[in-house]
Amino acid sequence: MLYVIQVLAAIQIGLAIGVLLGPRHPVRLGSSILAIVLALATIVTGAWLYLAIGTAIFVLTMGMRHSQHIVGG
């Protein structure tokens, strides 16, 4: 079970890095960094709670709309 949690954390890190490389939005930037940190904590400790919190924050902020007046947004 530990390996499954670690693989899910690695997937979350990949998604968060993808968001970091996309169009800039301050809240998404912060949530992506937080998701990466919590996923790394999950990989190191094997605790699923960090992964659950990071995923919840990440998913909630991904639902935010882009502002239309931002170039590239």
Protein backbone atom coordinates (compact mmCIF):
# COMPACT_ATOMS: atom_id res chain seq x y z
CA MET A 1 0.00 0.00 0.00
CA LEU A 2 2.92 2.31 0.68
CA TYR A 3 4.06 2.10 -2.94
CA VAL A 4 0.60 3.00 -4.22
CA ILE A 5 0.54 6.11 -2.03
CA GLN A 6 4.03 7.08 -3.19
CA VAL A 7 3.08 6.64 -6.87
CA LEU A 8 -0.02 8.80 -6.37
CA ALA A 9 2.16 11.45 -4.71
CA ALA A 10 4.56 11.36 -7.66
CA ILE A 11 1.63 11.82 -10.06
CA GLN A 12 0.48 14.82 -8.02
CA ILE A 13 3.96 16.32 -8.20
CA GLY A 14 3.91 15.94 -11.99
CA LEU A 15 0.52 17.63 -12.27
CA ALA A 16 1.57 20.48 -10.01
CA ILE A 17 4.75 21.06 -12.02
CA GLY A 18 2.60 21.17 -15.16
CA VAL A 19 0.46 23.88 -13.58
CA LEU A 20 3.58 25.81 -12.58
CA LEU A 21 4.72 25.80 -16.20
CA GLY A 22 1.34 27.03 -17.46
CA PRO A 23 -0.26 30.49 -17.33
CA ARG A 24 0.41 32.35 -14.09
CA HIS A 25 -2.27 32.79 -11.46
CA PRO A 26 -1.13 33.67 -7.90
CA VAL A 27 -3.50 31.29 -6.11
CA ARG A 28 -2.74 28.40 -8.46
CA LEU A 29 0.97 29.06 -8.07
CA GLY A 30 0.70 28.88 -4.29
CA SER A 31 -1.47 25.78 -4.31
CA SER A 32 0.88 24.03 -6.74
CA ILE A 33 3.88 24.72 -4.53
CA LEU A 34 1.93 23.53 -1.49
CA ALA A 35 0.84 20.39 -3.34
CA ILE A 36 4.45 19.63 -4.29
CA VAL A 37 5.64 20.08 -0.70
CA LEU A 38 2.88 17.90 0.73
CA ALA A 39 3.43 15.22 -1.93
CA LEU A 40 7.14 15.17 -1.14
CA ALA A 41 6.23 14.79 2.55
CA THR A 42 4.00 11.87 1.56
CA ILE A 43 6.78 10.18 -0.38
CA VAL A 44 9.23 10.56 2.52
CA THR A 45 6.88 9.60 5.36
CA GLY A 46 4.36 7.36 3.59
CA ALA A 47 1.48 9.13 5.35
CA TRP A 48 -1.59 9.39 3.13
CA LEU A 49 -3.00 12.35 5.07
CA TYR A 50 -0.51 14.79 3.50
CA LEU A 51 -1.49 13.53 0.06
CA ALA A 52 -5.21 13.91 0.81
CA ILE A 53 -4.79 17.50 2.05
CA GLY A 54 -2.56 18.48 -0.86
CA THR A 55 -4.94 16.94 -3.39
CA ALA A 56 -7.98 18.68 -1.88
CA ILE A 57 -6.30 22.09 -1.96
CA PHE A 58 -4.96 21.49 -5.46
CA VAL A 59 -8.32 20.40 -6.89
CA LEU A 60 -10.23 23.28 -5.27
CA THR A 61 -7.91 25.90 -6.72
CA MET A 62 -7.89 24.32 -10.18
CA GLY A 63 -11.58 25.13 -10.45
CA MET A 64 -10.86 28.86 -10.42
CA ARG A 65 -11.50 30.76 -13.63
CA HIS A 66 -8.89 32.68 -15.57
CA SER A 67 -9.22 36.42 -15.68
CA GLN A 68 -10.00 37.46 -19.27
CA HIS A 69 -7.80 40.54 -19.18
CA ILE A 70 -4.60 38.63 -18.42
CA VAL A 71 -2.39 38.15 -21.47
CA GLY A 72 -1.99 34.45 -22.16
CA GLY A 73 -4.78 33.53 -19.75
